[in-house]
Amino acid sequence: MEQEEKWKTAEVAMGSDLKVQTFGGAEKTTETLEDIEKVKSIINEWNAMSKKAANLTIDKYGPPNESTQSRLIWYNNGPWKRTIVYRDEIPHDFPQAHTDVIENFINYNVPPEKFSEIAKFDGSVIVERTRGEVSSRCDMEAANTLALNLMNDLVNGKLNAVEAREKYCEIFSAFMMNRAAPYAEELQFDISKEPKYDTDIVMSVDEMVEQAAKKINDLADERKDND
């Protein structure tokens, strides 16, 4: 990339950041629903677990808002900010052998010092610091609900990673045996419907920032002259 193109890209990036932080609108959802026959033709070619998760999610929430050959996406379905069912399976052996095919997302800010403890608890609980999201990916929605409830307990200091893993096994077994398992049935904490981004802090050296600002202004002036 040529230097001038780098500055132009920086100009667009800085302008986009200012716009989003001032007016919002960083993330948009799809409101329309996909044609169910189209969706059925897509998942008909999927492996058994992915197809099972897709059909269960359709039965519960209706047709997805978006679909491609490799995934179905729902927005604002039930308690979730976003739900994705994947064609491609990821092998995962905790708490028992299965494949991860469904991912449920919520708005949630995790303190950075808790990241490693969450990773020790469950590698399929995924934290996105900048986006202010946490998701869980497993073979069924109930397992994701359970994992996110335990993640919340871990963040709030009620459990450590070892205790959370033990609790997961205990509650998941109860759920599979049709015993009471509230942690697998619904989220036990309030979640925000509005995103709370962690934008971090600017750390570019002063000289670089000054040069970038000057170059951006120069490029803007050039565009005005050419209009």
Protein backbone atom coordinates (compact mmCIF):
# COMPACT_ATOMS: atom_id res chain seq x y z
CA MET A 1 0.00 0.00 0.00
CA GLU A 2 1.37 3.41 -1.01
CA GLN A 3 1.87 6.01 1.71
CA GLU A 4 -0.84 8.31 0.35
CA GLU A 5 -3.31 5.42 0.38
CA LYS A 6 -2.35 4.70 3.99
CA TRP A 7 -3.19 8.29 4.95
CA LYS A 8 -6.47 8.14 3.05
CA THR A 9 -7.36 4.93 4.87
CA ALA A 10 -6.45 6.57 8.19
CA GLU A 11 -8.69 9.51 7.31
CA VAL A 12 -11.64 7.25 6.62
CA ALA A 13 -10.98 5.22 9.79
CA MET A 14 -10.78 8.27 12.04
CA GLY A 15 -13.88 9.78 10.48
CA SER A 16 -15.82 6.55 10.90
CA ASP A 17 -14.79 6.28 14.55
CA LEU A 18 -15.93 9.85 15.25
CA LYS A 19 -19.25 9.28 13.51
CA VAL A 20 -20.02 6.01 15.27
CA GLN A 21 -19.02 7.26 18.73
CA THR A 22 -21.05 10.44 18.24
CA PHE A 23 -24.16 9.17 16.47
CA GLY A 24 -24.10 5.39 16.94
CA GLY A 25 -25.14 2.96 14.25
CA ALA A 26 -22.06 0.76 14.20
CA GLU A 27 -24.08 -2.43 14.04
CA LYS A 28 -27.20 -3.03 12.00
CA THR A 29 -29.51 -6.01 12.12
CA THR A 30 -31.49 -7.59 9.32
CA GLU A 31 -35.22 -7.37 9.98
CA THR A 32 -36.50 -9.43 7.05
CA LEU A 33 -36.88 -13.21 7.22
CA GLU A 34 -35.41 -15.71 4.82
CA ASP A 35 -37.67 -17.91 2.72
CA ILE A 36 -38.05 -21.14 4.66
CA GLU A 37 -37.89 -23.33 1.54
CA LYS A 38 -34.56 -21.74 0.63
CA VAL A 39 -33.31 -22.38 4.16
CA LYS A 40 -34.43 -26.01 4.08
CA SER A 41 -32.59 -26.56 0.80
CA ILE A 42 -29.41 -25.17 2.37
CA ILE A 43 -29.47 -27.25 5.56
CA ASN A 44 -30.50 -30.39 3.68
CA GLU A 45 -26.84 -30.74 2.66
CA TRP A 46 -25.49 -30.27 6.19
CA ASN A 47 -24.22 -32.95 8.57
CA ALA A 48 -26.60 -34.38 11.14
CA MET A 49 -25.66 -32.22 14.15
CA SER A 50 -25.67 -28.94 12.25
CA LYS A 51 -28.99 -29.85 10.62
CA LYS A 52 -30.45 -30.79 14.03
CA ALA A 53 -29.41 -27.48 15.60
CA ALA A 54 -30.76 -25.54 12.62
CA ASN A 55 -34.16 -27.25 12.75
CA LEU A 56 -34.49 -26.82 16.51
CA THR A 57 -33.67 -23.13 16.22
CA ILE A 58 -36.15 -22.68 13.37
CA ASP A 59 -38.84 -24.49 15.38
CA LYS A 60 -38.25 -22.15 18.34
CA TYR A 61 -37.59 -18.79 16.65
CA GLY A 62 -38.87 -19.12 13.10
CA PRO A 63 -36.88 -18.57 9.88
CA PRO A 64 -33.47 -16.89 10.17
CA ASN A 65 -32.86 -13.29 9.16
CA GLU A 66 -29.89 -14.23 6.99
CA SER A 67 -28.61 -17.40 5.36
CA THR A 68 -25.59 -18.52 3.37
CA GLN A 69 -24.38 -21.96 2.38
CA SER A 70 -22.36 -22.16 5.61
CA ARG A 71 -24.53 -20.48 8.27
CA LEU A 72 -27.92 -19.23 9.40
CA ILE A 73 -28.19 -16.01 11.40
CA TRP A 74 -30.95 -14.73 13.70
CA TYR A 75 -30.98 -11.26 15.30
CA ASN A 76 -32.64 -10.39 18.60
CA ASN A 77 -34.20 -13.83 18.96
CA GLY A 78 -35.34 -14.44 22.51
CA PRO A 79 -32.66 -13.26 24.95
CA TRP A 80 -29.95 -13.29 22.31
CA LYS A 81 -28.36 -10.41 20.47
CA ARG A 82 -27.48 -12.80 17.68
CA THR A 83 -27.60 -16.53 17.05
CA ILE A 84 -25.59 -18.35 14.39
CA VAL A 85 -25.96 -21.98 13.42
CA TYR A 86 -22.97 -23.23 11.44
CA ARG A 87 -22.67 -25.87 8.76
CA ASP A 88 -19.08 -26.59 9.78
CA GLU A 89 -18.60 -28.44 13.06
CA ILE A 90 -15.85 -27.83 15.63
CA PRO A 91 -14.91 -30.85 17.77
CA HIS A 92 -15.08 -30.20 21.52
CA ASP A 93 -14.69 -32.71 24.34
CA PHE A 94 -15.88 -30.71 27.38
CA PRO A 95 -17.93 -31.82 29.24
CA GLN A 96 -18.35 -34.74 26.83
CA ALA A 97 -17.55 -35.38 23.19
CA HIS A 98 -19.65 -33.28 20.82
CA THR A 99 -19.31 -30.73 18.03
CA ASP A 100 -19.93 -26.98 18.38
CA VAL A 101 -22.50 -25.84 15.81
CA ILE A 102 -24.63 -23.12 17.45
CA GLU A 103 -23.34 -19.84 18.89
CA ASN A 104 -25.39 -17.44 21.01
CA PHE A 105 -24.27 -13.85 21.63
CA ILE A 106 -25.03 -11.26 24.32
CA ASN A 107 -23.83 -7.75 25.09
CA TYR A 108 -21.48 -8.14 28.05
CA ASN A 109 -18.33 -6.33 29.18
CA VAL A 110 -15.75 -8.63 30.73
CA PRO A 111 -12.91 -7.06 32.76
CA PRO A 112 -9.63 -7.93 31.00
CA GLU A 113 -8.24 -9.52 34.16
CA LYS A 114 -10.98 -12.17 33.91
CA PHE A 115 -10.17 -13.25 30.34
CA SER A 116 -7.72 -15.99 31.22
CA GLU A 117 -10.02 -17.46 33.88
CA ILE A 118 -12.86 -17.66 31.34
CA ALA A 119 -10.53 -19.36 28.86
CA LYS A 120 -9.59 -21.91 31.53
CA PHE A 121 -13.27 -22.55 32.20
CA ASP A 122 -14.44 -23.19 28.64
CA GLY A 123 -12.62 -22.55 25.37
CA SER A 124 -15.95 -22.16 23.57
CA VAL A 125 -16.93 -19.11 25.62
CA ILE A 126 -15.61 -16.28 23.49
CA VAL A 127 -15.00 -12.73 24.73
CA GLU A 128 -14.82 -9.77 22.36
CA ARG A 129 -13.52 -6.89 24.42
CA THR A 130 -13.82 -4.08 21.86
CA ARG A 131 -17.26 -5.13 20.70
CA GLY A 132 -18.50 -5.61 24.26
CA GLU A 133 -19.81 -9.10 23.56
CA VAL A 134 -19.58 -12.60 24.94
CA SER A 135 -20.76 -15.68 23.10
CA SER A 136 -20.91 -19.37 23.79
CA ARG A 137 -20.67 -22.02 21.10
CA CYS A 138 -21.85 -25.60 21.66
CA ASP A 139 -24.17 -28.28 20.28
CA MET A 140 -27.38 -26.91 21.79
CA GLU A 141 -28.78 -23.60 23.02
CA ALA A 142 -29.26 -24.85 26.58
CA ALA A 143 -25.55 -25.63 26.87
CA ASN A 144 -24.73 -22.08 25.78
CA THR A 145 -27.18 -20.66 28.32
CA LEU A 146 -25.49 -22.72 31.04
CA ALA A 147 -21.99 -21.66 29.99
CA LEU A 148 -22.91 -17.96 29.96
CA ASN A 149 -24.55 -18.15 33.38
CA LEU A 150 -21.39 -19.72 34.80
CA MET A 151 -19.27 -17.14 32.97
CA ASN A 152 -21.24 -14.43 34.76
CA ASP A 153 -20.67 -16.12 38.12
CA LEU A 154 -16.97 -16.35 37.32
CA VAL A 155 -16.75 -12.65 36.41
CA ASN A 156 -18.55 -11.72 39.64
CA GLY A 157 -16.17 -13.81 41.75
CA LYS A 158 -18.67 -16.46 42.81
CA LEU A 159 -16.68 -19.24 41.14
CA ASN A 160 -13.21 -19.88 39.80
CA ALA A 161 -12.53 -21.78 36.58
CA VAL A 162 -12.19 -25.18 38.27
CA GLU A 163 -15.41 -24.69 40.23
CA ALA A 164 -17.24 -23.47 37.12
CA ARG A 165 -16.21 -26.58 35.18
CA GLU A 166 -17.43 -28.83 37.99
CA LYS A 167 -20.68 -26.89 38.22
CA TYR A 168 -21.16 -27.16 34.47
CA CYS A 169 -20.90 -30.96 34.57
CA GLU A 170 -23.30 -31.17 37.52
CA ILE A 171 -25.97 -28.91 36.00
CA PHE A 172 -25.67 -30.30 32.47
CA SER A 173 -26.17 -33.84 33.80
CA ALA A 174 -29.27 -32.69 35.66
CA PHE A 175 -30.61 -31.02 32.53
CA MET A 176 -30.08 -34.14 30.41
CA MET A 177 -31.87 -36.24 33.06
CA ASN A 178 -34.86 -33.84 33.01
CA ARG A 179 -34.18 -32.62 36.52
CA ALA A 180 -34.46 -28.96 37.49
CA ALA A 181 -31.60 -27.00 35.91
CA PRO A 182 -32.41 -23.27 35.87
CA TYR A 183 -28.90 -22.34 34.72
CA ALA A 184 -29.50 -24.28 31.49
CA GLU A 185 -33.04 -23.00 31.01
CA GLU A 186 -32.63 -19.22 31.01
CA LEU A 187 -30.09 -16.50 31.71
CA GLN A 188 -29.93 -15.71 35.42
CA PHE A 189 -28.72 -12.12 35.00
CA ASP A 190 -29.88 -8.99 33.22
CA ILE A 191 -28.37 -8.20 29.83
CA SER A 192 -28.27 -4.92 27.97
CA LYS A 193 -29.95 -4.65 24.60
CA GLU A 194 -27.64 -1.73 23.78
CA PRO A 195 -23.99 -2.39 22.87
CA LYS A 196 -21.33 -1.04 25.20
CA TYR A 197 -18.11 -0.91 23.24
CA ASP A 198 -14.74 -0.91 24.96
CA THR A 199 -12.96 1.53 22.64
CA ASP A 200 -9.70 1.46 24.64
CA ILE A 201 -7.45 4.58 24.56
CA VAL A 202 -5.41 6.37 21.91
CA MET A 203 -1.69 5.65 22.34
CA SER A 204 -0.17 6.79 19.03
CA VAL A 205 2.84 9.04 19.60
CA ASP A 206 2.17 12.77 19.32
CA GLU A 207 4.37 13.23 16.26
CA MET A 208 2.51 10.53 14.34
CA VAL A 209 -0.88 11.94 15.32
CA GLU A 210 0.16 15.45 14.27
CA GLN A 211 1.48 14.19 10.94
CA ALA A 212 -1.67 12.17 10.34
CA ALA A 213 -3.92 15.12 11.17
CA LYS A 214 -1.93 17.43 8.88
CA LYS A 215 -1.98 14.92 6.05
CA ILE A 216 -5.70 14.33 6.47
CA ASN A 217 -6.36 18.07 6.35
CA ASP A 218 -4.18 18.38 3.25
CA LEU A 219 -6.08 15.61 1.51
CA ALA A 220 -9.40 17.21 2.45
CA ASP A 221 -8.21 20.54 1.03
CA GLU A 222 -7.12 18.84 -2.18
CA ARG A 223 -10.56 17.29 -2.61
CA LYS A 224 -12.21 20.69 -2.10
CA ASP A 225 -9.95 22.23 -4.76
CA ASN A 226 -10.81 19.46 -7.19
CA ASP A 227 -14.58 19.77 -6.66
